[in-house]
Amino acid sequence: MSSFEAYMLPCLNKKLFGIECPGCGMQRSLVYLIQGDFTAAFKMYPAIFTILLMLLVLVLHLKFKFKNGHNYLLILFSINIVIIFTNYIFKFI
């Protein structure tokens, strides 16, 4: 992981206010995912898999114009919001 750390963007919220933002951990999670450590990626940022799924559906919908693609995206977006903020709340408990 250390070779990627030099290229990661710092969290401005954490630097300025000392608390993590809802997106903290996403970069490291993506690095773990690239390295093939799926468990560590999930532990670092649980929404990583649903976000990637949502991005895949978005790209496919833009390319192939699925009939109900916007509904699938709305559902995935809602699931991601719930996962992200649930995880964010549990960080402080």
N, C-alpha and C. Protein backbone atom coordinates (compact mmCIF):
# COMPACT_ATOMS: atom_id res chain seq x y z
N MET A 1 0.82 -1.20 0.00
CA MET A 1 0.00 0.00 0.00
C MET A 1 0.86 1.25 0.00
N SER A 2 2.06 1.20 0.54
CA SER A 2 2.87 2.40 0.72
C SER A 2 3.25 3.06 -0.60
N SER A 3 3.40 2.30 -1.68
CA SER A 3 3.77 2.91 -2.95
C SER A 3 2.65 3.77 -3.51
N PHE A 4 1.40 3.49 -3.15
CA PHE A 4 0.26 4.28 -3.63
C PHE A 4 -0.01 5.49 -2.75
N GLU A 5 0.44 5.47 -1.51
CA GLU A 5 0.11 6.53 -0.57
C GLU A 5 0.62 7.89 -1.02
N ALA A 6 1.72 7.94 -1.74
CA ALA A 6 2.27 9.21 -2.20
C ALA A 6 1.35 9.90 -3.22
N TYR A 7 0.48 9.13 -3.86
CA TYR A 7 -0.38 9.67 -4.90
C TYR A 7 -1.81 9.95 -4.43
N MET A 8 -2.11 9.61 -3.18
CA MET A 8 -3.47 9.78 -2.67
C MET A 8 -3.72 11.23 -2.26
N LEU A 9 -4.94 11.68 -2.53
CA LEU A 9 -5.34 13.02 -2.12
C LEU A 9 -5.71 13.02 -0.65
N PRO A 10 -5.31 14.05 0.08
CA PRO A 10 -5.69 14.10 1.49
C PRO A 10 -7.15 14.54 1.63
N CYS A 11 -7.79 14.13 2.71
CA CYS A 11 -9.16 14.55 2.99
C CYS A 11 -9.10 15.95 3.61
N LEU A 12 -9.64 16.94 2.91
CA LEU A 12 -9.61 18.30 3.42
C LEU A 12 -10.46 18.45 4.67
N ASN A 13 -11.56 17.74 4.74
CA ASN A 13 -12.42 17.79 5.92
C ASN A 13 -11.65 17.31 7.16
N LYS A 14 -10.90 16.24 6.99
CA LYS A 14 -10.13 15.69 8.10
C LYS A 14 -8.98 16.63 8.48
N LYS A 15 -8.35 17.24 7.47
CA LYS A 15 -7.25 18.16 7.75
C LYS A 15 -7.73 19.43 8.44
N LEU A 16 -8.86 19.97 7.97
CA LEU A 16 -9.34 21.24 8.51
C LEU A 16 -10.09 21.10 9.83
N PHE A 17 -10.93 20.06 9.93
CA PHE A 17 -11.81 19.94 11.09
C PHE A 17 -11.46 18.77 12.02
N GLY A 18 -10.59 17.89 11.57
CA GLY A 18 -10.16 16.77 12.39
C GLY A 18 -11.13 15.59 12.44
N ILE A 19 -12.18 15.62 11.62
CA ILE A 19 -13.10 14.49 11.56
C ILE A 19 -13.19 13.99 10.12
N GLU A 20 -13.44 12.72 9.99
CA GLU A 20 -13.54 12.12 8.65
C GLU A 20 -14.83 12.53 7.96
N CYS A 21 -14.78 12.54 6.65
CA CYS A 21 -15.98 12.81 5.85
C CYS A 21 -16.60 11.47 5.43
N PRO A 22 -17.80 11.47 4.88
CA PRO A 22 -18.41 10.21 4.44
C PRO A 22 -17.62 9.48 3.35
N GLY A 23 -16.73 10.17 2.67
CA GLY A 23 -15.96 9.53 1.61
C GLY A 23 -14.59 9.03 2.04
N CYS A 24 -14.22 9.29 3.29
CA CYS A 24 -12.91 8.86 3.78
C CYS A 24 -12.79 7.34 3.70
N GLY A 25 -11.69 6.91 3.12
CA GLY A 25 -11.43 5.48 2.98
C GLY A 25 -11.66 4.96 1.57
N MET A 26 -12.29 5.77 0.72
CA MET A 26 -12.60 5.29 -0.62
C MET A 26 -11.34 5.05 -1.45
N GLN A 27 -10.36 5.96 -1.37
CA GLN A 27 -9.13 5.79 -2.15
C GLN A 27 -8.37 4.54 -1.72
N ARG A 28 -8.23 4.37 -0.43
CA ARG A 28 -7.51 3.19 0.07
C ARG A 28 -8.26 1.91 -0.27
N SER A 29 -9.57 1.98 -0.21
CA SER A 29 -10.39 0.82 -0.57
C SER A 29 -10.18 0.45 -2.03
N LEU A 30 -10.11 1.44 -2.88
CA LEU A 30 -9.88 1.19 -4.31
C LEU A 30 -8.50 0.58 -4.53
N VAL A 31 -7.51 1.03 -3.78
CA VAL A 31 -6.17 0.45 -3.88
C VAL A 31 -6.19 -1.01 -3.45
N TYR A 32 -6.86 -1.30 -2.33
CA TYR A 32 -6.98 -2.69 -1.89
C TYR A 32 -7.68 -3.54 -2.95
N LEU A 33 -8.69 -2.97 -3.58
CA LEU A 33 -9.42 -3.68 -4.63
C LEU A 33 -8.52 -3.98 -5.82
N ILE A 34 -7.72 -3.02 -6.22
CA ILE A 34 -6.78 -3.21 -7.33
C ILE A 34 -5.75 -4.28 -6.98
N GLN A 35 -5.35 -4.33 -5.71
CA GLN A 35 -4.38 -5.33 -5.26
C GLN A 35 -5.02 -6.70 -5.06
N GLY A 36 -6.35 -6.77 -5.16
CA GLY A 36 -7.03 -8.05 -5.04
C GLY A 36 -7.45 -8.42 -3.63
N ASP A 37 -7.31 -7.50 -2.69
CA ASP A 37 -7.68 -7.76 -1.30
C ASP A 37 -9.12 -7.25 -1.08
N PHE A 38 -10.09 -8.07 -1.47
CA PHE A 38 -11.49 -7.66 -1.45
C PHE A 38 -12.03 -7.47 -0.04
N THR A 39 -11.57 -8.26 0.89
CA THR A 39 -12.01 -8.14 2.28
C THR A 39 -11.54 -6.82 2.88
N ALA A 40 -10.28 -6.49 2.67
CA ALA A 40 -9.75 -5.23 3.19
C ALA A 40 -10.44 -4.04 2.52
N ALA A 41 -10.74 -4.17 1.23
CA ALA A 41 -11.44 -3.10 0.52
C ALA A 41 -12.82 -2.86 1.13
N PHE A 42 -13.52 -3.94 1.43
CA PHE A 42 -14.84 -3.81 2.03
C PHE A 42 -14.76 -3.22 3.44
N LYS A 43 -13.78 -3.68 4.21
CA LYS A 43 -13.63 -3.16 5.58
C LYS A 43 -13.26 -1.68 5.58
N MET A 44 -12.47 -1.26 4.61
CA MET A 44 -12.05 0.14 4.53
C MET A 44 -13.21 1.04 4.11
N TYR A 45 -14.02 0.60 3.14
CA TYR A 45 -15.12 1.41 2.63
C TYR A 45 -16.20 0.48 2.07
N PRO A 46 -17.20 0.14 2.88
CA PRO A 46 -18.18 -0.88 2.49
C PRO A 46 -18.96 -0.58 1.21
N ALA A 47 -19.07 0.65 0.82
CA ALA A 47 -19.85 0.98 -0.38
C ALA A 47 -19.07 0.84 -1.68
N ILE A 48 -17.82 0.43 -1.61
CA ILE A 48 -16.98 0.39 -2.81
C ILE A 48 -17.56 -0.50 -3.90
N PHE A 49 -18.09 -1.64 -3.52
CA PHE A 49 -18.60 -2.57 -4.53
C PHE A 49 -19.88 -2.06 -5.18
N THR A 50 -20.78 -1.48 -4.40
CA THR A 50 -22.02 -0.96 -4.97
C THR A 50 -21.77 0.31 -5.78
N ILE A 51 -20.77 1.09 -5.41
CA ILE A 51 -20.42 2.27 -6.20
C ILE A 51 -19.88 1.84 -7.56
N LEU A 52 -19.00 0.86 -7.55
CA LEU A 52 -18.46 0.37 -8.83
C LEU A 52 -19.55 -0.26 -9.69
N LEU A 53 -20.47 -0.98 -9.06
CA LEU A 53 -21.60 -1.54 -9.79
C LEU A 53 -22.45 -0.42 -10.40
N MET A 54 -22.69 0.63 -9.62
CA MET A 54 -23.48 1.74 -10.12
C MET A 54 -22.77 2.43 -11.30
N LEU A 55 -21.47 2.59 -11.22
CA LEU A 55 -20.73 3.20 -12.32
C LEU A 55 -20.77 2.32 -13.57
N LEU A 56 -20.69 1.02 -13.38
CA LEU A 56 -20.79 0.10 -14.51
C LEU A 56 -22.17 0.20 -15.17
N VAL A 57 -23.22 0.20 -14.36
CA VAL A 57 -24.58 0.32 -14.90
C VAL A 57 -24.74 1.66 -15.60
N LEU A 58 -24.17 2.73 -15.05
CA LEU A 58 -24.25 4.05 -15.68
C LEU A 58 -23.60 4.04 -17.06
N VAL A 59 -22.39 3.50 -17.15
CA VAL A 59 -21.69 3.45 -18.44
C VAL A 59 -22.47 2.61 -19.44
N LEU A 60 -22.97 1.47 -19.00
CA LEU A 60 -23.75 0.61 -19.91
C LEU A 60 -25.06 1.28 -20.33
N HIS A 61 -25.69 1.97 -19.41
CA HIS A 61 -26.93 2.67 -19.73
C HIS A 61 -26.68 3.81 -20.73
N LEU A 62 -25.59 4.53 -20.56
CA LEU A 62 -25.27 5.60 -21.50
C LEU A 62 -24.94 5.06 -22.89
N LYS A 63 -24.32 3.88 -22.92
CA LYS A 63 -23.94 3.28 -24.21
C LYS A 63 -25.12 2.61 -24.91
N PHE A 64 -25.92 1.84 -24.14
CA PHE A 64 -26.95 1.01 -24.75
C PHE A 64 -28.38 1.50 -24.50
N LYS A 65 -28.56 2.54 -23.71
CA LYS A 65 -29.87 3.14 -23.45
C LYS A 65 -30.91 2.11 -22.99
N PHE A 66 -30.63 1.47 -21.84
CA PHE A 66 -31.57 0.51 -21.28
C PHE A 66 -32.93 1.17 -21.04
N LYS A 67 -33.99 0.39 -21.23
CA LYS A 67 -35.34 0.92 -21.08
C LYS A 67 -35.58 1.49 -19.68
N ASN A 68 -35.21 0.76 -18.65
CA ASN A 68 -35.40 1.22 -17.28
C ASN A 68 -34.07 1.48 -16.58
N GLY A 69 -33.06 1.84 -17.33
CA GLY A 69 -31.73 2.07 -16.77
C GLY A 69 -31.72 3.14 -15.70
N HIS A 70 -32.50 4.20 -15.91
CA HIS A 70 -32.54 5.28 -14.93
C HIS A 70 -33.12 4.80 -13.60
N ASN A 71 -34.06 3.87 -13.65
CA ASN A 71 -34.61 3.31 -12.40
C ASN A 71 -33.58 2.47 -11.66
N TYR A 72 -32.81 1.68 -12.41
CA TYR A 72 -31.76 0.88 -11.78
C TYR A 72 -30.72 1.79 -11.13
N LEU A 73 -30.37 2.88 -11.84
CA LEU A 73 -29.39 3.81 -11.29
C LEU A 73 -29.92 4.50 -10.04
N LEU A 74 -31.18 4.85 -10.04
CA LEU A 74 -31.78 5.48 -8.86
C LEU A 74 -31.78 4.53 -7.66
N ILE A 75 -32.09 3.28 -7.90
CA ILE A 75 -32.07 2.27 -6.83
C ILE A 75 -30.64 2.10 -6.30
N LEU A 76 -29.66 1.96 -7.20
CA LEU A 76 -28.27 1.79 -6.77
C LEU A 76 -27.76 3.04 -6.04
N PHE A 77 -28.15 4.21 -6.51
CA PHE A 77 -27.76 5.45 -5.85
C PHE A 77 -28.31 5.48 -4.42
N SER A 78 -29.57 5.10 -4.27
CA SER A 78 -30.20 5.09 -2.95
C SER A 78 -29.52 4.09 -2.02
N ILE A 79 -29.20 2.92 -2.54
CA ILE A 79 -28.50 1.90 -1.74
C ILE A 79 -27.14 2.43 -1.30
N ASN A 80 -26.43 3.10 -2.22
CA ASN A 80 -25.12 3.66 -1.87
C ASN A 80 -25.22 4.72 -0.79
N ILE A 81 -26.21 5.58 -0.88
CA ILE A 81 -26.38 6.62 0.14
C ILE A 81 -26.61 5.99 1.51
N VAL A 82 -27.46 4.97 1.56
CA VAL A 82 -27.74 4.30 2.83
C VAL A 82 -26.47 3.64 3.38
N ILE A 83 -25.73 2.94 2.54
CA ILE A 83 -24.50 2.27 2.99
C ILE A 83 -23.47 3.29 3.46
N ILE A 84 -23.28 4.35 2.69
CA ILE A 84 -22.26 5.36 3.03
C ILE A 84 -22.57 6.02 4.36
N PHE A 85 -23.81 6.46 4.56
CA PHE A 85 -24.12 7.17 5.78
C PHE A 85 -24.28 6.25 6.99
N THR A 86 -24.68 5.01 6.76
CA THR A 86 -24.70 4.05 7.86
C THR A 86 -23.28 3.78 8.34
N ASN A 87 -22.38 3.58 7.40
CA ASN A 87 -20.97 3.39 7.73
C ASN A 87 -20.40 4.62 8.44
N TYR A 88 -20.76 5.80 7.97
CA TYR A 88 -20.28 7.04 8.57
C TYR A 88 -20.75 7.18 10.02
N ILE A 89 -21.99 6.82 10.27
CA ILE A 89 -22.52 6.90 11.63
C ILE A 89 -21.81 5.88 12.53
N PHE A 90 -21.58 4.67 12.02
CA PHE A 90 -20.92 3.64 12.83
C PHE A 90 -19.46 3.96 13.13
N LYS A 91 -18.83 4.83 12.33
CA LYS A 91 -17.46 5.23 12.61
C LYS A 91 -17.37 6.01 13.92
N PHE A 92 -18.44 6.70 14.27
CA PHE A 92 -18.44 7.54 15.46
C PHE A 92 -19.01 6.85 16.69
N ILE A 93 -19.54 5.66 16.50
CA ILE A 93 -20.12 4.94 17.64
C ILE A 93 -19.08 4.04 18.28
